[in-house]
Amino acid sequence: MADQATRLRNLLDGRTNRIESARVIAVTSGKGGVGKTNLALNLSIGLQKAGKKVLLIDADIGMANINLLMGRVTQRSIMDLVKYKTRVEDVIEESNFGIKYISGVAGVDKMLNASHEDLRIIQRKIVDASNMVDTIVIDTGAGLSRYVIEFILFAREILLVTTSEPASMADAYTIVKAYNEFQGIGRVKLVVNRVRSLDEWNATADQLNQTTQKFLNVFLDPLGYVYEDKEVATAVKKQEPFLIHNPNSPASRCVRELVKSILNGTRMPPVSKGWRGVLQGIFG
């Protein structure tokens, strides 16, 4: 891990200064499939509904899909910012849900061909977006790569998404260990997705926090959780954010409380699943 961190640090030498005039939140995860992108989208919509001007950036180079979750087809992507004459406002799209967004780019060739200098150019142009919004949410790729690290260090706040599955928790720990190798990294806030109960949320957060504190001396700020909710899968199929599809579902209620916690800097309070949520848990 030390050798890998050294190589990444060398790549990141002279990185772009962080944005000072807008709040920048990077949403990341140790592995794919934990619901990171869907959560980033719905948190962005929740922040907008709370009165914030939000720009959501799909920074997953190679596996982008935020526009698909909104049922949108976009003509330009974050990689277009590499072009000399392209300004950040040229690639910003208006969603149907009040937020602005920049699409990612799909394809292994795009990921392999993105250079260190390309990412520097992209970040410098994203700085200009801070004049248009007050909150920028960056959906990073999953795992550990220079692309993920680039955008993590670009943000002041890190929201680490995991589930209670042992593999997901192990990967989350690996990510925290790698991030801890870098100076100037912000406080890591933890969100456990797809929990079935408050006990599961507390047990997962406590176990992961005990591990990071024991071996890394790093405290994870336990921000909150999102319930397992079949309405989320239904919304994905309809290409609609679940916060819009069913505002009263257990997952949507969790997101609204998460937004309050992000804005107030407090730990998320207990959220009732409601009778529909209880029936979901009983009958699946």
Protein backbone atom coordinates (compact mmCIF):
# COMPACT_ATOMS: atom_id res chain seq x y z
CA MET A 1 0.00 0.00 0.00
CA ALA A 2 2.88 2.38 0.80
CA ASP A 3 4.38 1.93 -2.67
CA GLN A 4 1.00 2.46 -4.31
CA ALA A 5 0.38 5.57 -2.24
CA THR A 6 3.80 6.94 -3.16
CA ARG A 7 3.10 6.47 -6.86
CA LEU A 8 -0.27 8.18 -6.54
CA ARG A 9 1.24 11.05 -4.55
CA ASN A 10 3.82 11.60 -7.27
CA LEU A 11 1.05 11.72 -9.85
CA LEU A 12 -0.83 14.27 -7.79
CA ASP A 13 2.12 16.61 -7.33
CA GLY A 14 1.07 20.19 -7.98
CA ARG A 15 -2.62 19.44 -7.91
CA THR A 16 -5.15 22.20 -8.51
CA ASN A 17 -6.13 24.28 -5.48
CA ARG A 18 -9.46 23.43 -3.97
CA ILE A 19 -12.56 25.51 -4.57
CA GLU A 20 -13.02 28.07 -1.80
CA SER A 21 -16.28 29.76 -2.84
CA ALA A 22 -18.54 26.66 -2.96
CA ARG A 23 -19.05 23.61 -0.79
CA VAL A 24 -17.56 20.59 -2.55
CA ILE A 25 -18.63 17.09 -1.45
CA ALA A 26 -17.04 13.98 -2.95
CA VAL A 27 -19.19 10.84 -2.76
CA THR A 28 -17.05 7.72 -3.01
CA SER A 29 -17.01 4.03 -2.13
CA GLY A 30 -14.60 1.16 -1.75
CA LYS A 31 -16.37 -1.02 -4.30
CA GLY A 32 -19.03 -0.78 -6.96
CA GLY A 33 -22.60 -1.88 -6.42
CA VAL A 34 -23.19 -0.16 -3.07
CA GLY A 35 -25.55 2.47 -4.51
CA LYS A 36 -23.07 5.35 -4.46
CA THR A 37 -24.18 7.04 -7.69
CA ASN A 38 -27.87 6.76 -6.91
CA LEU A 39 -27.25 8.23 -3.48
CA ALA A 40 -25.18 11.10 -4.91
CA LEU A 41 -28.01 11.95 -7.31
CA ASN A 42 -30.76 11.88 -4.70
CA LEU A 43 -28.68 13.79 -2.14
CA SER A 44 -28.11 16.47 -4.79
CA ILE A 45 -31.84 16.75 -5.40
CA GLY A 46 -32.46 16.84 -1.65
CA LEU A 47 -29.92 19.64 -1.22
CA GLN A 48 -31.61 21.58 -4.02
CA LYS A 49 -34.99 21.16 -2.33
CA ALA A 50 -33.39 22.52 0.84
CA GLY A 51 -32.57 25.74 -1.00
CA LYS A 52 -29.10 25.07 -2.35
CA LYS A 53 -27.91 25.71 -5.91
CA VAL A 54 -26.38 22.35 -6.78
CA LEU A 55 -24.07 21.08 -9.51
CA LEU A 56 -23.70 17.28 -9.68
CA ILE A 57 -20.59 16.05 -11.47
CA ASP A 58 -20.27 12.48 -12.73
CA ALA A 59 -16.52 12.00 -12.38
CA ASP A 60 -16.61 8.25 -12.97
CA ILE A 61 -14.46 8.12 -16.07
CA GLY A 62 -15.23 4.88 -17.85
CA MET A 63 -18.43 3.80 -16.01
CA ALA A 64 -20.63 6.90 -16.06
CA ASN A 65 -24.38 6.54 -15.55
CA ILE A 66 -25.86 9.51 -13.68
CA ASN A 67 -27.64 10.74 -16.81
CA LEU A 68 -29.21 7.28 -17.23
CA LEU A 69 -30.65 7.42 -13.71
CA MET A 70 -32.43 10.61 -14.80
CA GLY A 71 -33.53 9.27 -18.17
CA ARG A 72 -31.40 11.82 -20.00
CA VAL A 73 -29.27 11.58 -23.11
CA THR A 74 -26.49 14.14 -23.13
CA GLN A 75 -24.30 15.32 -25.96
CA ARG A 76 -21.30 16.48 -23.94
CA SER A 77 -19.40 15.04 -21.01
CA ILE A 78 -16.76 15.92 -18.46
CA MET A 79 -14.03 14.87 -20.90
CA ASP A 80 -15.08 17.63 -23.31
CA LEU A 81 -13.56 20.07 -20.81
CA VAL A 82 -10.16 18.92 -22.03
CA LYS A 83 -10.82 20.72 -25.33
CA TYR A 84 -9.15 24.12 -25.42
CA LYS A 85 -12.20 26.25 -26.23
CA THR A 86 -14.75 24.35 -24.15
CA ARG A 87 -15.91 26.20 -21.03
CA VAL A 88 -17.53 24.55 -18.03
CA GLU A 89 -20.87 26.20 -18.86
CA ASP A 90 -20.74 24.49 -22.27
CA VAL A 91 -21.00 21.03 -20.67
CA ILE A 92 -23.41 21.78 -17.82
CA GLU A 93 -26.88 20.33 -18.36
CA GLU A 94 -30.16 21.29 -16.72
CA SER A 95 -32.05 18.36 -15.21
CA ASN A 96 -35.80 18.09 -14.76
CA PHE A 97 -35.32 18.10 -11.00
CA GLY A 98 -33.77 21.51 -10.33
CA ILE A 99 -30.11 20.52 -10.29
CA LYS A 100 -27.43 21.19 -12.85
CA TYR A 101 -25.16 18.32 -13.81
CA ILE A 102 -22.14 17.35 -15.87
CA SER A 103 -22.29 13.89 -17.41
CA GLY A 104 -19.48 11.42 -17.09
CA VAL A 105 -18.07 9.45 -19.96
CA ALA A 106 -18.44 5.71 -20.50
CA GLY A 107 -15.98 3.37 -22.16
CA VAL A 108 -12.71 1.74 -21.16
CA ASP A 109 -10.87 3.61 -23.93
CA LYS A 110 -11.89 6.94 -22.38
CA MET A 111 -10.54 5.86 -19.00
CA LEU A 112 -7.26 4.56 -20.41
CA ASN A 113 -6.70 7.65 -22.54
CA ALA A 114 -7.36 10.20 -19.77
CA SER A 115 -3.99 11.64 -18.78
CA HIS A 116 -2.82 13.36 -15.63
CA GLU A 117 -2.80 16.70 -17.46
CA ASP A 118 -6.35 16.09 -18.73
CA LEU A 119 -7.55 15.84 -15.12
CA ARG A 120 -5.68 19.03 -14.21
CA ILE A 121 -7.45 20.89 -17.04
CA ILE A 122 -10.84 19.48 -16.04
CA GLN A 123 -10.38 20.55 -12.42
CA ARG A 124 -9.24 24.04 -13.35
CA LYS A 125 -12.36 24.54 -15.45
CA ILE A 126 -14.65 23.10 -12.76
CA VAL A 127 -13.39 25.86 -10.45
CA ASP A 128 -15.25 28.30 -12.71
CA ALA A 129 -18.52 26.53 -11.88
CA SER A 130 -18.28 27.77 -8.29
CA ASN A 131 -19.51 31.15 -9.56
CA MET A 132 -22.81 29.54 -10.64
CA VAL A 133 -23.65 27.30 -7.65
CA ASP A 134 -23.00 27.09 -3.93
CA THR A 135 -22.75 23.29 -3.66
CA ILE A 136 -20.87 20.86 -5.89
CA VAL A 137 -21.40 17.12 -5.44
CA ILE A 138 -18.83 14.91 -7.15
CA ASP A 139 -19.71 11.28 -7.81
CA THR A 140 -16.29 9.64 -8.02
CA GLY A 141 -15.54 6.25 -9.45
CA ALA A 142 -15.51 3.29 -7.08
CA GLY A 143 -12.31 1.82 -5.71
CA LEU A 144 -8.80 3.21 -5.66
CA SER A 145 -7.32 4.83 -8.75
CA ARG A 146 -5.66 8.09 -9.58
CA TYR A 147 -8.95 9.38 -11.01
CA VAL A 148 -10.73 8.75 -7.72
CA ILE A 149 -7.92 10.22 -5.63
CA GLU A 150 -7.76 13.30 -7.89
CA PHE A 151 -11.37 14.20 -7.24
CA ILE A 152 -11.29 13.21 -3.57
CA LEU A 153 -8.45 15.66 -2.94
CA PHE A 154 -10.29 18.26 -5.00
CA ALA A 155 -13.11 18.22 -2.44
CA ARG A 156 -13.11 19.40 1.16
CA GLU A 157 -15.66 16.86 2.33
CA ILE A 158 -15.65 13.12 1.74
CA LEU A 159 -18.79 11.02 1.99
CA LEU A 160 -17.84 7.34 2.09
CA VAL A 161 -20.65 4.96 1.13
CA THR A 162 -20.63 1.32 2.14
CA THR A 163 -23.03 -1.49 2.99
CA SER A 164 -22.97 -3.94 5.88
CA GLU A 165 -21.54 -6.72 3.69
CA PRO A 166 -18.06 -7.80 4.89
CA ALA A 167 -16.52 -7.33 1.43
CA SER A 168 -17.91 -3.81 1.18
CA MET A 169 -16.65 -2.91 4.64
CA ALA A 170 -13.20 -4.33 3.89
CA ASP A 171 -12.98 -2.28 0.71
CA ALA A 172 -14.15 0.83 2.56
CA TYR A 173 -11.34 0.31 5.08
CA THR A 174 -8.82 -0.01 2.24
CA ILE A 175 -10.01 3.28 0.78
CA VAL A 176 -9.67 5.06 4.14
CA LYS A 177 -6.18 3.61 4.54
CA ALA A 178 -5.14 4.91 1.14
CA TYR A 179 -6.66 8.34 1.71
CA ASN A 180 -4.91 8.56 5.05
CA GLU A 181 -1.58 8.48 3.22
CA PHE A 182 -2.25 11.96 1.85
CA GLN A 183 -1.89 15.25 3.68
CA GLY A 184 -4.72 17.76 3.80
CA ILE A 185 -7.55 15.28 3.38
CA GLY A 186 -10.83 16.32 4.97
CA ARG A 187 -12.88 14.48 7.54
CA VAL A 188 -14.49 11.32 6.22
CA LYS A 189 -18.24 11.01 6.77
CA LEU A 190 -19.75 7.54 6.68
CA VAL A 191 -23.07 6.52 5.15
CA VAL A 192 -24.23 2.90 5.30
CA ASN A 193 -26.61 2.10 2.47
CA ARG A 194 -29.30 -0.59 2.27
CA VAL A 195 -29.58 -1.28 5.98
CA ARG A 196 -32.60 -3.23 7.21
CA SER A 197 -32.63 -1.85 10.74
CA LEU A 198 -31.12 0.76 13.05
CA ASP A 199 -29.20 -2.03 14.77
CA GLU A 200 -27.55 -2.94 11.45
CA TRP A 201 -26.58 0.69 10.88
CA ASN A 202 -25.09 1.11 14.36
CA ALA A 203 -23.23 -2.21 14.24
CA THR A 204 -21.72 -1.49 10.81
CA ALA A 205 -20.65 2.05 11.69
CA ASP A 206 -19.19 0.96 15.04
CA GLN A 207 -17.28 -1.99 13.59
CA LEU A 208 -15.76 0.02 10.76
CA ASN A 209 -14.92 2.91 13.07
CA GLN A 210 -13.25 0.66 15.62
CA THR A 211 -11.08 -0.81 12.88
CA THR A 212 -10.02 2.53 11.39
CA GLN A 213 -9.29 4.01 14.81
CA LYS A 214 -7.31 0.97 15.98
CA PHE A 215 -5.12 0.53 12.91
CA LEU A 216 -5.14 3.98 11.28
CA ASN A 217 -5.99 6.33 14.13
CA VAL A 218 -8.71 7.71 11.85
CA PHE A 219 -12.19 8.56 13.09
CA LEU A 220 -15.04 8.15 10.62
CA ASP A 221 -17.86 10.59 11.23
CA PRO A 222 -20.99 8.36 11.23
CA LEU A 223 -23.30 10.63 9.25
CA GLY A 224 -26.24 8.29 8.63
CA TYR A 225 -27.86 5.51 6.68
CA VAL A 226 -30.40 4.62 3.99
CA TYR A 227 -32.88 1.80 4.40
CA GLU A 228 -33.14 -1.14 2.02
CA ASP A 229 -36.12 -0.16 -0.10
CA LYS A 230 -37.69 -1.84 -3.13
CA GLU A 231 -38.88 1.57 -4.34
CA VAL A 232 -35.26 2.37 -5.18
CA ALA A 233 -35.06 -0.48 -7.72
CA THR A 234 -38.44 0.52 -9.15
CA ALA A 235 -37.27 4.10 -9.60
CA VAL A 236 -34.06 2.96 -11.32
CA LYS A 237 -36.08 0.95 -13.83
CA LYS A 238 -38.20 4.01 -14.54
CA GLN A 239 -35.03 6.15 -14.82
CA GLU A 240 -36.29 8.49 -12.14
CA PRO A 241 -34.65 9.51 -8.84
CA PHE A 242 -36.32 7.65 -5.98
CA LEU A 243 -36.71 10.91 -4.05
CA ILE A 244 -39.00 12.06 -6.87
CA HIS A 245 -40.56 8.68 -7.64
CA ASN A 246 -41.78 8.11 -4.08
CA PRO A 247 -40.97 10.97 -1.66
CA ASN A 248 -42.46 9.07 1.28
CA SER A 249 -40.61 5.78 0.85
CA PRO A 250 -38.16 4.71 3.61
CA ALA A 251 -35.12 5.51 1.44
CA SER A 252 -36.47 8.96 0.56
CA ARG A 253 -37.12 9.80 4.20
CA CYS A 254 -33.54 8.78 5.00
CA VAL A 255 -32.16 11.01 2.26
CA ARG A 256 -34.07 14.03 3.55
CA GLU A 257 -32.62 13.44 7.02
CA LEU A 258 -29.14 12.95 5.54
CA VAL A 259 -29.47 16.32 3.80
CA LYS A 260 -30.33 17.97 7.12
CA SER A 261 -27.33 16.29 8.73
CA ILE A 262 -25.02 17.48 5.95
CA LEU A 263 -26.30 21.04 6.27
CA ASN A 264 -26.32 21.12 10.08
CA GLY A 265 -23.23 19.03 10.75
CA THR A 266 -25.15 16.64 12.97
CA ARG A 267 -25.58 12.87 13.11
CA MET A 268 -28.73 11.63 11.43
CA PRO A 269 -31.58 10.84 13.86
CA PRO A 270 -33.60 7.59 13.81
CA VAL A 271 -35.98 7.40 10.86
CA SER A 272 -39.21 5.45 10.93
CA LYS A 273 -39.62 2.97 8.08
CA GLY A 274 -43.41 3.43 8.15
CA TRP A 275 -45.87 0.57 7.85
CA ARG A 276 -45.00 0.02 4.17
CA GLY A 277 -41.34 -0.28 5.07
CA VAL A 278 -42.11 -2.73 7.85
CA LEU A 279 -44.13 -4.87 5.45
CA GLN A 280 -41.25 -4.74 2.94
CA GLY A 281 -38.94 -6.10 5.62
CA ILE A 282 -41.33 -8.91 6.52
CA PHE A 283 -42.39 -10.00 3.04
CA GLY A 284 -39.42 -8.75 0.97
